[in-house]
N, C-alpha and C. Protein backbone atom coordinates (compact mmCIF):
# COMPACT_ATOMS: atom_id res chain seq x y z
N UNK A 1 0.85 -1.18 0.00
CA UNK A 1 0.00 0.00 0.00
C UNK A 1 0.89 1.24 0.00
N UNK A 2 0.58 2.15 -0.88
CA UNK A 2 1.27 3.44 -0.91
C UNK A 2 0.60 4.34 0.13
N UNK A 3 1.40 4.89 1.03
CA UNK A 3 0.85 5.76 2.08
C UNK A 3 1.23 7.20 1.77
N UNK A 4 0.19 8.02 1.64
CA UNK A 4 0.40 9.45 1.44
C UNK A 4 -0.15 10.15 2.67
N UNK A 5 0.72 10.68 3.48
CA UNK A 5 0.28 11.33 4.72
C UNK A 5 -0.46 12.62 4.41
N UNK A 6 -1.64 12.78 5.03
CA UNK A 6 -2.45 13.98 4.88
C UNK A 6 -2.51 14.66 6.24
N UNK A 7 -1.94 15.87 6.33
CA UNK A 7 -2.03 16.66 7.56
C UNK A 7 -3.29 17.49 7.43
N UNK A 8 -4.22 17.26 8.33
CA UNK A 8 -5.51 17.92 8.21
C UNK A 8 -5.49 19.30 8.84
N UNK A 9 -6.30 20.18 8.30
CA UNK A 9 -6.44 21.52 8.84
C UNK A 9 -6.97 21.46 10.26
N UNK A 10 -7.15 22.60 10.83
CA UNK A 10 -7.57 22.70 12.21
C UNK A 10 -8.89 21.96 12.46
N UNK A 11 -8.84 21.01 13.38
CA UNK A 11 -10.03 20.30 13.83
C UNK A 11 -10.25 20.74 15.27
N UNK A 12 -11.38 21.37 15.58
CA UNK A 12 -11.60 21.90 16.94
C UNK A 12 -11.35 20.86 18.02
N UNK A 13 -10.61 21.27 19.04
CA UNK A 13 -10.35 20.40 20.18
C UNK A 13 -9.14 19.50 20.04
N UNK A 14 -8.56 19.43 18.84
CA UNK A 14 -7.40 18.56 18.62
C UNK A 14 -6.13 19.38 18.49
N UNK A 15 -5.04 18.80 19.01
CA UNK A 15 -3.73 19.43 18.88
C UNK A 15 -3.05 19.05 17.58
N UNK A 16 -3.58 18.06 16.89
CA UNK A 16 -3.08 17.62 15.59
C UNK A 16 -3.97 16.52 15.08
N UNK A 17 -4.09 16.45 13.75
CA UNK A 17 -4.94 15.41 13.15
C UNK A 17 -4.32 15.02 11.81
N UNK A 18 -4.10 13.73 11.61
CA UNK A 18 -3.45 13.24 10.40
C UNK A 18 -4.22 12.05 9.85
N UNK A 19 -4.08 11.84 8.56
CA UNK A 19 -4.67 10.67 7.91
C UNK A 19 -3.64 10.10 6.94
N UNK A 20 -3.80 8.84 6.62
CA UNK A 20 -2.88 8.22 5.67
C UNK A 20 -3.14 8.69 4.25
N UNK A 21 -4.40 8.96 3.93
CA UNK A 21 -4.73 9.29 2.55
C UNK A 21 -6.13 9.88 2.48
N UNK A 22 -6.48 10.43 1.35
CA UNK A 22 -7.83 10.86 1.04
C UNK A 22 -8.65 9.63 0.68
N UNK A 23 -9.96 9.74 0.84
CA UNK A 23 -10.83 8.64 0.45
C UNK A 23 -10.89 8.53 -1.07
N UNK A 24 -10.95 9.67 -1.74
CA UNK A 24 -10.99 9.65 -3.20
C UNK A 24 -9.95 10.59 -3.78
N UNK A 25 -9.51 10.25 -4.96
CA UNK A 25 -8.63 11.09 -5.74
C UNK A 25 -9.49 11.79 -6.78
N UNK A 26 -9.24 13.06 -7.03
CA UNK A 26 -10.08 13.84 -7.94
C UNK A 26 -10.17 13.23 -9.33
N UNK A 27 -9.13 12.55 -9.76
CA UNK A 27 -9.10 12.01 -11.13
C UNK A 27 -9.35 10.50 -11.20
N UNK A 28 -9.06 9.78 -10.11
CA UNK A 28 -9.09 8.33 -10.18
C UNK A 28 -10.14 7.66 -9.28
N UNK A 29 -10.88 8.44 -8.52
CA UNK A 29 -11.90 7.85 -7.64
C UNK A 29 -11.28 7.37 -6.33
N UNK A 30 -11.87 6.32 -5.73
CA UNK A 30 -11.37 5.83 -4.43
C UNK A 30 -9.89 5.46 -4.48
N UNK A 31 -9.16 5.87 -3.45
CA UNK A 31 -7.73 5.56 -3.39
C UNK A 31 -7.53 4.11 -2.94
N UNK A 32 -6.32 3.62 -3.10
CA UNK A 32 -6.03 2.25 -2.66
C UNK A 32 -6.16 2.13 -1.14
N UNK A 33 -5.83 3.20 -0.41
CA UNK A 33 -5.99 3.17 1.05
C UNK A 33 -7.47 3.08 1.41
N UNK A 34 -8.32 3.83 0.71
CA UNK A 34 -9.76 3.76 0.96
C UNK A 34 -10.28 2.35 0.68
N UNK A 35 -9.80 1.73 -0.38
CA UNK A 35 -10.24 0.36 -0.68
C UNK A 35 -9.74 -0.60 0.39
N UNK A 36 -8.55 -0.35 0.94
CA UNK A 36 -8.04 -1.18 2.03
C UNK A 36 -8.92 -1.05 3.27
N UNK A 37 -9.37 0.17 3.56
CA UNK A 37 -10.28 0.37 4.69
C UNK A 37 -11.56 -0.43 4.46
N UNK A 38 -12.08 -0.41 3.25
CA UNK A 38 -13.28 -1.19 2.94
C UNK A 38 -13.06 -2.68 3.15
N UNK A 39 -11.90 -3.18 2.72
CA UNK A 39 -11.59 -4.61 2.94
C UNK A 39 -11.42 -4.90 4.43
N UNK A 40 -10.75 -4.00 5.15
CA UNK A 40 -10.51 -4.22 6.58
C UNK A 40 -11.82 -4.18 7.36
N UNK A 41 -12.78 -3.35 6.94
CA UNK A 41 -14.07 -3.30 7.62
C UNK A 41 -14.82 -4.62 7.49
N UNK A 42 -14.52 -5.37 6.46
CA UNK A 42 -15.18 -6.66 6.25
C UNK A 42 -14.42 -7.81 6.90
N UNK A 43 -13.29 -7.51 7.55
CA UNK A 43 -12.42 -8.56 8.09
C UNK A 43 -13.07 -9.49 9.11
N UNK A 44 -13.91 -9.02 10.01
CA UNK A 44 -14.45 -9.97 10.98
C UNK A 44 -15.11 -11.17 10.32
N UNK A 45 -15.67 -10.97 9.15
CA UNK A 45 -16.31 -12.08 8.44
C UNK A 45 -15.28 -12.98 7.77
N UNK A 46 -14.15 -12.43 7.36
CA UNK A 46 -13.15 -13.22 6.63
C UNK A 46 -12.02 -13.73 7.51
N UNK A 47 -11.71 -13.02 8.58
CA UNK A 47 -10.66 -13.48 9.48
C UNK A 47 -9.25 -13.18 9.02
N UNK A 48 -9.06 -12.39 7.97
CA UNK A 48 -7.73 -12.06 7.47
C UNK A 48 -7.35 -10.67 7.98
N UNK A 49 -6.32 -10.60 8.81
CA UNK A 49 -5.95 -9.33 9.45
C UNK A 49 -4.80 -8.62 8.75
N UNK A 50 -4.35 -9.11 7.61
CA UNK A 50 -3.19 -8.48 6.95
C UNK A 50 -3.44 -7.03 6.56
N UNK A 51 -4.63 -6.73 6.08
CA UNK A 51 -4.94 -5.37 5.65
C UNK A 51 -4.95 -4.43 6.86
N UNK A 52 -5.56 -4.87 7.96
CA UNK A 52 -5.58 -4.04 9.18
C UNK A 52 -4.16 -3.83 9.70
N UNK A 53 -3.32 -4.86 9.62
CA UNK A 53 -1.92 -4.71 10.02
C UNK A 53 -1.22 -3.63 9.19
N UNK A 54 -1.45 -3.65 7.90
CA UNK A 54 -0.82 -2.68 7.01
C UNK A 54 -1.30 -1.26 7.31
N UNK A 55 -2.60 -1.10 7.51
CA UNK A 55 -3.13 0.23 7.86
C UNK A 55 -2.55 0.71 9.19
N UNK A 56 -2.49 -0.17 10.18
CA UNK A 56 -1.96 0.20 11.50
C UNK A 56 -0.49 0.58 11.41
N UNK A 57 0.29 -0.14 10.60
CA UNK A 57 1.71 0.21 10.43
C UNK A 57 1.85 1.62 9.84
N UNK A 58 1.03 1.93 8.84
CA UNK A 58 1.08 3.26 8.25
C UNK A 58 0.71 4.34 9.26
N UNK A 59 -0.32 4.08 10.06
CA UNK A 59 -0.75 5.04 11.07
C UNK A 59 0.33 5.23 12.13
N UNK A 60 0.94 4.14 12.56
CA UNK A 60 2.00 4.22 13.56
C UNK A 60 3.19 5.01 13.03
N UNK A 61 3.53 4.83 11.74
CA UNK A 61 4.63 5.58 11.14
C UNK A 61 4.34 7.08 11.16
N UNK A 62 3.11 7.46 10.84
CA UNK A 62 2.72 8.87 10.85
C UNK A 62 2.86 9.45 12.25
N UNK A 63 2.41 8.70 13.24
CA UNK A 63 2.46 9.18 14.63
C UNK A 63 3.90 9.26 15.13
N UNK A 64 4.73 8.29 14.79
CA UNK A 64 6.12 8.30 15.25
C UNK A 64 6.87 9.52 14.77
N UNK A 65 6.53 10.03 13.60
CA UNK A 65 7.19 11.24 13.10
C UNK A 65 6.83 12.46 13.92
N UNK A 66 5.76 12.38 14.69
CA UNK A 66 5.30 13.51 15.49
C UNK A 66 5.91 13.52 16.88
N UNK A 67 6.50 12.45 17.31
CA UNK A 67 7.16 12.37 18.63
C UNK A 67 6.24 12.82 19.75
N UNK A 68 5.12 12.13 19.87
CA UNK A 68 4.18 12.43 20.94
C UNK A 68 4.76 12.01 22.29
N UNK A 69 4.25 12.54 23.38
CA UNK A 69 4.79 12.19 24.71
C UNK A 69 4.75 10.67 24.96
N UNK A 70 5.69 10.21 25.77
CA UNK A 70 5.77 8.77 26.07
C UNK A 70 4.54 8.26 26.82
N UNK A 71 3.85 9.16 27.53
CA UNK A 71 2.70 8.70 28.32
C UNK A 71 1.38 8.78 27.55
N UNK A 72 1.45 9.01 26.22
CA UNK A 72 0.22 9.09 25.45
C UNK A 72 -0.51 7.74 25.49
N UNK A 73 -1.81 7.81 25.69
CA UNK A 73 -2.66 6.62 25.71
C UNK A 73 -3.45 6.60 24.41
N UNK A 74 -3.47 5.45 23.76
CA UNK A 74 -4.16 5.30 22.49
C UNK A 74 -5.59 4.83 22.76
N UNK A 75 -6.56 5.50 22.13
CA UNK A 75 -7.97 5.13 22.31
C UNK A 75 -8.68 5.17 20.97
N UNK A 76 -9.61 4.27 20.80
CA UNK A 76 -10.40 4.22 19.57
C UNK A 76 -11.54 5.23 19.61
N UNK A 77 -11.82 5.82 18.48
CA UNK A 77 -13.03 6.62 18.33
C UNK A 77 -14.19 5.63 18.24
N UNK A 78 -15.25 5.83 19.01
CA UNK A 78 -16.37 4.87 18.99
C UNK A 78 -16.97 4.75 17.59
N UNK A 79 -17.32 3.52 17.24
CA UNK A 79 -17.87 3.26 15.92
C UNK A 79 -18.74 2.02 15.95
N UNK A 80 -19.68 1.96 15.02
CA UNK A 80 -20.50 0.76 14.88
C UNK A 80 -19.66 -0.38 14.30
N UNK A 81 -18.60 -0.03 13.59
CA UNK A 81 -17.73 -1.04 13.00
C UNK A 81 -16.54 -1.26 13.93
N UNK A 82 -16.14 -2.49 14.18
CA UNK A 82 -15.04 -2.76 15.12
C UNK A 82 -13.64 -2.39 14.61
N UNK A 83 -13.53 -1.90 13.37
CA UNK A 83 -12.20 -1.64 12.82
C UNK A 83 -11.44 -0.57 13.60
N UNK A 84 -12.10 0.49 14.03
CA UNK A 84 -11.39 1.54 14.77
C UNK A 84 -10.75 1.00 16.04
N UNK A 85 -11.48 0.17 16.77
CA UNK A 85 -10.93 -0.43 18.00
C UNK A 85 -9.77 -1.36 17.67
N UNK A 86 -9.91 -2.11 16.60
CA UNK A 86 -8.84 -3.02 16.18
C UNK A 86 -7.60 -2.23 15.80
N UNK A 87 -7.78 -1.17 15.01
CA UNK A 87 -6.63 -0.34 14.61
C UNK A 87 -5.98 0.32 15.82
N UNK A 88 -6.78 0.80 16.77
CA UNK A 88 -6.22 1.45 17.97
C UNK A 88 -5.33 0.48 18.74
N UNK A 89 -5.78 -0.75 18.91
CA UNK A 89 -4.99 -1.75 19.63
C UNK A 89 -3.69 -2.05 18.88
N UNK A 90 -3.78 -2.17 17.56
CA UNK A 90 -2.59 -2.46 16.76
C UNK A 90 -1.60 -1.29 16.77
N UNK A 91 -2.12 -0.05 16.65
CA UNK A 91 -1.25 1.14 16.67
C UNK A 91 -0.56 1.25 18.03
N UNK A 92 -1.31 1.05 19.11
CA UNK A 92 -0.71 1.11 20.45
C UNK A 92 0.42 0.09 20.58
N UNK A 93 0.18 -1.11 20.10
CA UNK A 93 1.20 -2.16 20.17
C UNK A 93 2.44 -1.77 19.37
N UNK A 94 2.24 -1.27 18.16
CA UNK A 94 3.37 -0.88 17.32
C UNK A 94 4.16 0.28 17.91
N UNK A 95 3.47 1.19 18.60
CA UNK A 95 4.14 2.34 19.22
C UNK A 95 4.73 2.02 20.58
N UNK A 96 4.35 0.87 21.14
CA UNK A 96 4.80 0.53 22.48
C UNK A 96 4.13 1.39 23.54
N UNK A 97 2.90 1.81 23.28
CA UNK A 97 2.14 2.65 24.19
C UNK A 97 0.94 1.86 24.68
N UNK A 98 0.36 2.34 25.76
CA UNK A 98 -0.82 1.65 26.29
C UNK A 98 -2.06 2.09 25.52
N UNK A 99 -3.04 1.21 25.51
CA UNK A 99 -4.34 1.56 24.93
C UNK A 99 -5.39 1.36 26.00
N UNK A 100 -6.48 2.10 25.87
CA UNK A 100 -7.54 2.01 26.87
C UNK A 100 -8.87 2.30 26.19
N UNK A 101 -9.92 1.61 26.63
CA UNK A 101 -11.26 1.89 26.10
C UNK A 101 -11.85 3.12 26.80
N UNK A 102 -11.39 4.29 26.42
CA UNK A 102 -11.80 5.53 27.09
C UNK A 102 -13.20 5.99 26.69
N UNK A 103 -13.62 5.64 25.48
CA UNK A 103 -14.87 6.15 24.93
C UNK A 103 -15.79 5.02 24.48
N UNK A 104 -17.07 5.31 24.49
CA UNK A 104 -18.06 4.36 24.01
C UNK A 104 -19.24 5.13 23.44
N UNK A 105 -20.30 4.40 23.12
CA UNK A 105 -21.52 5.04 22.63
C UNK A 105 -22.72 4.47 23.35
N UNK A 106 -23.71 5.35 23.54
CA UNK A 106 -24.99 4.88 24.06
C UNK A 106 -25.69 4.16 22.91
N UNK A 107 -26.13 2.96 23.15
CA UNK A 107 -26.78 2.17 22.11
C UNK A 107 -28.27 2.50 22.05
N UNK A 108 -28.88 2.11 20.95
CA UNK A 108 -30.31 2.32 20.75
C UNK A 108 -31.13 1.22 21.39
N UNK A 109 -32.31 0.98 20.84
CA UNK A 109 -33.20 -0.04 21.36
C UNK A 109 -32.50 -1.39 21.40
N UNK A 110 -32.66 -2.09 22.51
CA UNK A 110 -32.11 -3.43 22.70
C UNK A 110 -30.60 -3.47 22.54
N UNK A 111 -29.93 -2.35 22.79
CA UNK A 111 -28.48 -2.31 22.73
C UNK A 111 -27.91 -2.27 21.33
N UNK A 112 -28.75 -2.14 20.31
CA UNK A 112 -28.28 -2.15 18.93
C UNK A 112 -27.74 -0.77 18.56
N UNK A 113 -26.56 -0.74 17.96
CA UNK A 113 -25.99 0.50 17.46
C UNK A 113 -26.26 0.55 15.97
N UNK A 114 -26.96 1.58 15.53
CA UNK A 114 -27.40 1.65 14.13
C UNK A 114 -26.39 2.29 13.20
N UNK A 115 -25.20 2.58 13.67
CA UNK A 115 -24.18 3.17 12.82
C UNK A 115 -23.96 4.64 13.08
N UNK A 116 -24.94 5.34 13.59
CA UNK A 116 -24.82 6.76 13.86
C UNK A 116 -24.34 6.96 15.29
N UNK A 117 -23.16 7.55 15.47
CA UNK A 117 -22.63 7.76 16.82
C UNK A 117 -22.71 9.21 17.26
N UNK A 118 -22.91 10.12 16.32
CA UNK A 118 -22.94 11.55 16.65
C UNK A 118 -23.97 11.81 17.75
N UNK A 119 -23.53 12.49 18.79
CA UNK A 119 -24.43 12.82 19.90
C UNK A 119 -24.63 11.69 20.89
N UNK A 120 -24.00 10.54 20.65
CA UNK A 120 -24.20 9.39 21.53
C UNK A 120 -22.89 8.92 22.16
N UNK A 121 -21.83 9.70 22.04
CA UNK A 121 -20.53 9.32 22.58
C UNK A 121 -20.51 9.52 24.08
N UNK A 122 -19.93 8.57 24.79
CA UNK A 122 -19.80 8.65 26.24
C UNK A 122 -18.35 8.41 26.63
N UNK A 123 -17.97 8.95 27.77
CA UNK A 123 -16.64 8.70 28.32
C UNK A 123 -16.78 7.60 29.36
N UNK A 124 -15.94 6.57 29.26
CA UNK A 124 -16.03 5.42 30.15
C UNK A 124 -15.20 5.56 31.42
N UNK A 125 -14.41 6.63 31.51
CA UNK A 125 -13.53 6.82 32.67
C UNK A 125 -13.87 8.11 33.39
N UNK A 126 -13.58 8.12 34.70
CA UNK A 126 -13.83 9.35 35.47
C UNK A 126 -12.79 10.40 35.18
N UNK A 127 -11.55 9.96 34.99
CA UNK A 127 -10.46 10.88 34.72
C UNK A 127 -9.73 10.41 33.46
N UNK A 128 -9.54 11.33 32.54
CA UNK A 128 -8.84 11.00 31.30
C UNK A 128 -7.34 11.09 31.52
N UNK A 129 -6.57 10.27 30.82
CA UNK A 129 -5.12 10.47 30.83
C UNK A 129 -4.81 11.87 30.27
N UNK A 130 -3.67 12.45 30.64
CA UNK A 130 -3.36 13.80 30.17
C UNK A 130 -3.11 13.88 28.66
N UNK A 131 -2.58 12.82 28.06
CA UNK A 131 -2.25 12.81 26.63
C UNK A 131 -2.94 11.63 25.97
N UNK A 132 -3.76 11.92 24.94
CA UNK A 132 -4.55 10.87 24.29
C UNK A 132 -4.37 10.97 22.78
N UNK A 133 -4.18 9.82 22.15
CA UNK A 133 -4.17 9.71 20.69
C UNK A 133 -5.42 8.94 20.29
N UNK A 134 -6.32 9.60 19.57
CA UNK A 134 -7.53 8.95 19.07
C UNK A 134 -7.23 8.30 17.72
N UNK A 135 -7.76 7.11 17.52
CA UNK A 135 -7.56 6.37 16.27
C UNK A 135 -8.92 6.10 15.66
N UNK A 136 -9.05 6.41 14.37
CA UNK A 136 -10.29 6.16 13.64
C UNK A 136 -9.95 5.60 12.27
N UNK A 137 -10.87 4.84 11.71
CA UNK A 137 -10.61 4.31 10.38
C UNK A 137 -10.95 5.32 9.30
N UNK A 138 -12.02 6.09 9.51
CA UNK A 138 -12.49 7.01 8.49
C UNK A 138 -13.03 8.29 9.15
N UNK A 139 -12.51 9.44 8.75
CA UNK A 139 -12.98 10.72 9.27
C UNK A 139 -13.70 11.43 8.13
N UNK A 140 -14.94 11.86 8.39
CA UNK A 140 -15.71 12.59 7.38
C UNK A 140 -15.54 14.09 7.56
N UNK A 141 -16.12 14.64 8.62
CA UNK A 141 -16.10 16.08 8.83
C UNK A 141 -15.22 16.49 10.01
N UNK A 142 -14.83 15.54 10.83
CA UNK A 142 -14.05 15.84 12.02
C UNK A 142 -14.91 16.06 13.25
N UNK A 143 -16.23 16.06 13.10
CA UNK A 143 -17.13 16.32 14.23
C UNK A 143 -17.00 15.25 15.30
N UNK A 144 -16.95 13.98 14.92
CA UNK A 144 -16.89 12.91 15.91
C UNK A 144 -15.58 12.96 16.70
N UNK A 145 -14.43 13.12 16.02
CA UNK A 145 -13.16 13.19 16.76
C UNK A 145 -13.11 14.46 17.60
N UNK A 146 -13.69 15.54 17.10
CA UNK A 146 -13.75 16.77 17.87
C UNK A 146 -14.59 16.60 19.13
N UNK A 147 -15.75 15.94 19.00
CA UNK A 147 -16.60 15.66 20.17
C UNK A 147 -15.87 14.77 21.18
N UNK A 148 -15.15 13.77 20.67
CA UNK A 148 -14.38 12.89 21.57
C UNK A 148 -13.34 13.70 22.34
N UNK A 149 -12.62 14.56 21.65
CA UNK A 149 -11.60 15.38 22.30
C UNK A 149 -12.22 16.28 23.36
N UNK A 150 -13.35 16.88 23.05
CA UNK A 150 -14.03 17.76 24.00
C UNK A 150 -14.42 17.00 25.27
N UNK A 151 -14.97 15.81 25.10
CA UNK A 151 -15.36 15.00 26.26
C UNK A 151 -14.15 14.60 27.09
N UNK A 152 -13.06 14.22 26.43
CA UNK A 152 -11.85 13.83 27.15
C UNK A 152 -11.23 15.02 27.89
N UNK A 153 -11.23 16.18 27.26
CA UNK A 153 -10.70 17.39 27.92
C UNK A 153 -11.53 17.74 29.15
N UNK A 154 -12.84 17.52 29.07
CA UNK A 154 -13.70 17.78 30.24
C UNK A 154 -13.36 16.85 31.39
N UNK A 155 -12.75 15.71 31.10
CA UNK A 155 -12.34 14.74 32.12
C UNK A 155 -10.85 14.85 32.45
N UNK A 156 -10.16 15.88 31.94
CA UNK A 156 -8.78 16.11 32.35
C UNK A 156 -7.71 15.97 31.30
N UNK A 157 -8.04 15.58 30.08
CA UNK A 157 -7.01 15.47 29.03
C UNK A 157 -6.45 16.86 28.75
N UNK A 158 -5.13 16.94 28.63
CA UNK A 158 -4.46 18.21 28.37
C UNK A 158 -4.22 18.37 26.87
N UNK A 159 -3.79 17.29 26.22
CA UNK A 159 -3.53 17.31 24.78
C UNK A 159 -4.16 16.08 24.15
N UNK A 160 -4.80 16.29 23.00
CA UNK A 160 -5.47 15.20 22.29
C UNK A 160 -5.13 15.32 20.80
N UNK A 161 -4.69 14.22 20.21
CA UNK A 161 -4.38 14.14 18.79
C UNK A 161 -5.26 13.07 18.17
N UNK A 162 -5.32 13.03 16.84
CA UNK A 162 -6.08 11.99 16.16
C UNK A 162 -5.34 11.56 14.90
N UNK A 163 -5.48 10.29 14.58
CA UNK A 163 -4.95 9.74 13.33
C UNK A 163 -6.03 8.84 12.75
N UNK A 164 -6.17 8.91 11.43
CA UNK A 164 -7.17 8.10 10.74
C UNK A 164 -6.54 7.46 9.52
N UNK A 165 -7.16 6.40 9.05
CA UNK A 165 -6.67 5.77 7.84
C UNK A 165 -6.96 6.65 6.62
N UNK A 166 -8.21 7.10 6.51
CA UNK A 166 -8.57 7.96 5.38
C UNK A 166 -9.47 9.09 5.84
N UNK A 167 -9.45 10.18 5.09
CA UNK A 167 -10.33 11.32 5.34
C UNK A 167 -11.21 11.50 4.11
N UNK A 168 -12.48 11.66 4.37
CA UNK A 168 -13.44 11.89 3.29
C UNK A 168 -14.34 13.04 3.73
N UNK A 169 -14.61 13.94 2.85
CA UNK A 169 -15.56 14.98 3.19
C UNK A 169 -14.97 16.35 3.29
N UNK A 170 -15.34 17.05 4.35
CA UNK A 170 -15.14 18.49 4.44
C UNK A 170 -13.77 18.95 4.95
N UNK A 171 -12.94 18.06 5.43
CA UNK A 171 -11.65 18.49 5.98
C UNK A 171 -10.63 18.71 4.89
N UNK A 172 -9.96 19.82 4.96
CA UNK A 172 -8.94 20.14 3.96
C UNK A 172 -7.56 19.91 4.53
N UNK A 173 -6.64 19.39 3.71
CA UNK A 173 -5.26 19.26 4.16
C UNK A 173 -4.60 20.62 4.26
N UNK A 174 -3.59 20.68 5.13
CA UNK A 174 -2.83 21.93 5.27
C UNK A 174 -1.89 22.06 4.10
């Protein structure tokens, strides 16, 4: 997989936000990284983790260039798809940092999550670690990662960063 690092413009509440690639290329349509995210999202059914490993390695490389504090805790952005949690665990392992389930979502009827997490994010801890790296598979507008950062800061986080596999939508690269 070719990794093209995308440094995203200001996302409210974040000290930095990066992605491996855009979801689509203006001339060629979906990028190879976007197609990898699609394959990785289907992994629980297939059981092949190679694509998720490759995405996590790319994300870890992007983060290592930033030299985040040694005490940074890696956390997944809540999602209906388990890929974000899987990537967060893999990125934490590759970076040699701890990971924690800091965030979750309130589920709908009978505990079912219908895919929409906006407005339903919860913090699972009373006190947030001071430094948090949020990991997501796909960022659209930045609202979800921004909401996560705001909730973590309300619980004591001092600095919050985010890394995603691909960015689609309204966020512009710097």
